[in-house]
Amino acid sequence: MERFDPRWLDNPESLESLIGCRAEYAGEPFSVIEILPDGPQLVLQHRDRRAIQQDMQGRPYRRVPETVCLELLDDHGQPSPQLELLLVESP
C-alpha cells in the first residue's frame, strides 16, 4: 500500500479507479466503496467492524459494515490533513 497521492484529486477518473481498492486509515483495514463529488469525499467501509443501523423510528434494525467519509479537501481547497493517515492499494 502507498500513501494517498494528492495529484489524484485533480483527476476524477483517478479517484474513481480507487473504488474497490483496499485501504488503511489510521491503522484500520478498509475498502474504498464510493467517491462522493460534494466535497469531494472518499467513503471507506471497514473490513472487520460492524455498526448497528437504525430504522426510521430510531430502533436498532441490523448490523452493517462501519463506514467512514473522509473529506479530501480542507476549507481552503487544499488536500485534507486526514489524507496523511490514508494508505491505498495502487489502482
Protein backbone atom coordinates (compact mmCIF):
# COMPACT_ATOMS: atom_id res chain seq x y z
CA MET A 1 0.00 0.00 0.00
CA GLU A 2 1.09 3.54 -0.61
CA ARG A 3 0.16 6.98 0.69
CA PHE A 4 -2.80 8.69 -0.95
CA ASP A 5 -1.37 10.80 -3.80
CA PRO A 6 -2.85 14.35 -3.72
CA ARG A 7 -2.42 14.52 -7.52
CA TRP A 8 -5.39 12.09 -7.75
CA LEU A 9 -7.59 15.00 -6.60
CA ASP A 10 -7.06 16.72 -9.97
CA ASN A 11 -8.41 13.79 -11.95
CA PRO A 12 -11.90 12.35 -11.25
CA GLU A 13 -11.04 9.17 -13.18
CA SER A 14 -8.09 8.56 -10.85
CA LEU A 15 -10.35 8.90 -7.84
CA GLU A 16 -12.97 6.58 -9.33
CA SER A 17 -10.29 3.97 -10.05
CA LEU A 18 -9.83 3.67 -6.26
CA ILE A 19 -13.34 2.20 -5.83
CA GLY A 20 -12.94 -1.41 -4.73
CA CYS A 21 -9.33 -0.96 -3.62
CA ARG A 22 -8.17 -1.96 -0.17
CA ALA A 23 -7.15 0.90 2.09
CA GLU A 24 -5.82 1.53 5.56
CA TYR A 25 -6.97 4.57 7.51
CA ALA A 26 -5.42 5.35 10.91
CA GLY A 27 -4.11 1.79 11.03
CA GLU A 28 -7.53 0.17 10.44
CA PRO A 29 -8.43 -2.01 7.40
CA PHE A 30 -10.95 -0.50 4.98
CA SER A 31 -12.09 -0.76 1.37
CA VAL A 32 -12.95 2.22 -0.83
CA ILE A 33 -16.63 1.90 -1.75
CA GLU A 34 -17.62 5.30 -3.14
CA ILE A 35 -16.41 8.74 -4.21
CA LEU A 36 -18.90 11.50 -3.39
CA PRO A 37 -18.47 14.54 -5.67
CA ASP A 38 -19.59 17.01 -2.98
CA GLY A 39 -16.52 17.86 -1.02
CA PRO A 40 -15.23 15.59 -2.62
CA GLN A 41 -15.39 12.76 -0.10
CA LEU A 42 -13.96 9.28 -0.06
CA VAL A 43 -16.27 6.67 1.51
CA LEU A 44 -14.48 3.82 3.26
CA GLN A 45 -16.05 0.61 4.55
CA HIS A 46 -14.34 -1.16 7.46
CA ARG A 47 -13.39 -4.71 6.53
CA ASP A 48 -13.94 -6.16 10.02
CA ARG A 49 -16.00 -3.86 12.21
CA ARG A 50 -19.80 -3.67 12.17
CA ALA A 51 -22.19 -0.95 13.38
CA ILE A 52 -25.88 -1.13 14.27
CA GLN A 53 -28.12 0.56 11.73
CA GLN A 54 -31.35 2.08 12.99
CA ASP A 55 -34.74 2.03 11.29
CA MET A 56 -36.75 5.19 10.58
CA GLN A 57 -38.08 5.26 14.15
CA GLY A 58 -34.57 5.07 15.62
CA ARG A 59 -34.83 1.46 16.74
CA PRO A 60 -31.88 -0.92 16.23
CA TYR A 61 -32.51 -2.71 12.96
CA ARG A 62 -29.45 -4.64 11.72
CA ARG A 63 -25.68 -4.85 11.73
CA VAL A 64 -23.92 -3.29 8.77
CA PRO A 65 -20.26 -2.67 7.96
CA GLU A 66 -18.96 0.52 9.57
CA THR A 67 -18.34 3.34 7.09
CA VAL A 68 -16.23 6.48 7.27
CA CYS A 69 -16.44 9.54 4.98
CA LEU A 70 -13.18 11.41 4.50
CA GLU A 71 -13.13 14.96 3.23
CA LEU A 72 -10.48 15.13 0.53
CA LEU A 73 -10.09 18.92 0.63
CA ASP A 74 -9.95 21.31 3.57
CA ASP A 75 -11.81 24.64 3.83
CA HIS A 76 -9.12 26.35 1.73
CA GLY A 77 -9.25 23.84 -1.13
CA GLN A 78 -6.00 22.15 -0.10
CA PRO A 79 -5.61 18.39 0.47
CA SER A 80 -7.12 17.46 3.82
CA PRO A 81 -4.72 16.60 6.68
CA GLN A 82 -6.77 13.38 7.14
CA LEU A 83 -5.15 12.07 3.95
CA GLU A 84 -1.85 11.71 5.81
CA LEU A 85 -3.44 8.78 7.68
CA LEU A 86 -4.65 7.06 4.50
CA LEU A 87 -2.85 4.30 2.63
CA VAL A 88 -4.36 2.74 -0.51
CA GLU A 89 -3.58 -0.05 -2.92
CA SER A 90 -2.48 1.15 -6.31
CA PRO A 91 -5.45 1.04 -8.69
